Amino acid sequence: MQSFKAEEWAKVREAGKMPFLLRHGFLGRGLPLGVITAIAISAYRGNPFPEAFQTLSFYGLVAFCVAVFTTSGAIAANANWVVHERRHAAGGE
């Protein structure tokens, strides 16, 4: 979990919660881990590379993996948001 100081958090909070979730949930976790996991699963299955990247089943696997990791990333990013809201609302550092 990334920790923000009070002045950093003020800037992040000003930008809004949705951009925070997008940046940390989707771009920071969902997209990269989803693609890497789909490639790893495809390699484990013994699919030939790079031909496997051109199949419909691979794109379906990528979509599924990105959805799973984006969901878990959004949950973690939301928890991070709540922790920082509580920490900085209480005046803590």
Protein backbone atom coordinates (compact mmCIF):
# COMPACT_ATOMS: atom_id res chain seq x y z
CA MET A 1 0.00 0.00 0.00
CA GLN A 2 1.35 3.38 -0.98
CA SER A 3 1.47 5.91 1.84
CA PHE A 4 0.90 9.61 1.25
CA LYS A 5 1.95 12.49 3.46
CA ALA A 6 -0.66 15.12 4.30
CA GLU A 7 0.34 17.56 1.54
CA GLU A 8 0.59 14.75 -1.05
CA TRP A 9 -2.77 13.37 0.01
CA ALA A 10 -4.41 16.78 -0.38
CA LYS A 11 -3.37 16.81 -4.06
CA VAL A 12 -4.48 13.21 -4.62
CA ARG A 13 -7.80 13.85 -2.88
CA GLU A 14 -8.39 16.99 -4.93
CA ALA A 15 -8.07 14.96 -8.14
CA GLY A 16 -10.84 12.66 -6.91
CA LYS A 17 -11.53 9.07 -5.98
CA MET A 18 -12.33 7.72 -9.46
CA PRO A 19 -8.99 8.80 -10.99
CA PHE A 20 -7.28 7.28 -7.93
CA LEU A 21 -9.08 3.96 -8.41
CA LEU A 22 -8.36 4.02 -12.15
CA ARG A 23 -4.68 4.75 -11.64
CA HIS A 24 -4.04 2.34 -8.77
CA GLY A 25 -6.69 -0.31 -9.43
CA PHE A 26 -6.72 -0.62 -13.20
CA LEU A 27 -3.47 0.85 -14.52
CA GLY A 28 -1.35 -0.12 -11.51
CA ARG A 29 -2.67 -3.61 -10.96
CA GLY A 30 -5.43 -4.84 -13.25
CA LEU A 31 -3.94 -4.28 -16.68
CA PRO A 32 -0.30 -5.32 -16.12
CA LEU A 33 -1.03 -8.32 -13.88
CA GLY A 34 -3.91 -9.44 -16.09
CA VAL A 35 -1.80 -9.47 -19.25
CA ILE A 36 1.18 -11.12 -17.53
CA THR A 37 -1.05 -13.78 -15.98
CA ALA A 38 -2.77 -14.50 -19.31
CA ILE A 39 0.61 -14.92 -20.99
CA ALA A 40 1.79 -17.21 -18.18
CA ILE A 41 -1.37 -19.35 -18.37
CA SER A 42 -1.07 -19.57 -22.15
CA ALA A 43 2.58 -20.63 -21.84
CA TYR A 44 1.69 -23.20 -19.17
CA ARG A 45 -0.94 -24.67 -21.49
CA GLY A 46 1.79 -25.16 -24.08
CA ASN A 47 0.30 -22.83 -26.68
CA PRO A 48 2.78 -21.87 -29.41
CA PHE A 49 4.15 -18.34 -29.28
CA PRO A 50 3.59 -15.85 -30.91
CA GLU A 51 0.69 -17.60 -32.68
CA ALA A 52 -1.20 -17.86 -29.38
CA PHE A 53 -1.47 -14.06 -29.22
CA GLN A 54 -3.63 -14.08 -32.36
CA THR A 55 -6.35 -16.42 -31.10
CA LEU A 56 -9.77 -15.47 -29.81
CA SER A 57 -9.33 -17.71 -26.77
CA PHE A 58 -6.21 -15.76 -25.75
CA TYR A 59 -8.09 -12.45 -25.94
CA GLY A 60 -10.87 -13.95 -23.83
CA LEU A 61 -8.30 -15.11 -21.29
CA VAL A 62 -6.74 -11.63 -21.22
CA ALA A 63 -10.16 -10.04 -20.68
CA PHE A 64 -10.95 -12.46 -17.85
CA CYS A 65 -7.58 -11.98 -16.13
CA VAL A 66 -7.72 -8.20 -16.46
CA ALA A 67 -11.25 -8.20 -15.00
CA VAL A 68 -10.19 -10.32 -12.02
CA PHE A 69 -7.08 -8.28 -11.25
CA THR A 70 -8.88 -4.97 -11.83
CA THR A 71 -11.56 -6.00 -9.34
CA SER A 72 -8.99 -6.96 -6.71
CA GLY A 73 -6.96 -3.84 -7.51
CA ALA A 74 -10.00 -1.58 -7.15
CA ILE A 75 -10.82 -3.17 -3.79
CA ALA A 76 -7.25 -2.63 -2.59
CA ALA A 77 -7.15 0.93 -3.95
CA ASN A 78 -10.47 1.71 -2.27
CA ALA A 79 -9.11 0.38 1.03
CA ASN A 80 -6.03 2.56 0.54
CA TRP A 81 -8.29 5.58 -0.08
CA VAL A 82 -10.33 4.90 3.07
CA VAL A 83 -7.19 4.47 5.20
CA HIS A 84 -5.79 7.79 3.99
CA GLU A 85 -9.13 9.56 4.44
CA ARG A 86 -9.29 8.40 8.06
CA ARG A 87 -5.63 9.09 8.73
CA HIS A 88 -5.67 12.63 7.40
CA ALA A 89 -9.16 13.49 8.67
CA ALA A 90 -7.92 12.70 12.19
CA GLY A 91 -4.97 15.01 11.63
CA GLY A 92 -2.47 12.15 11.78
CA GLU A 93 0.62 11.89 9.68
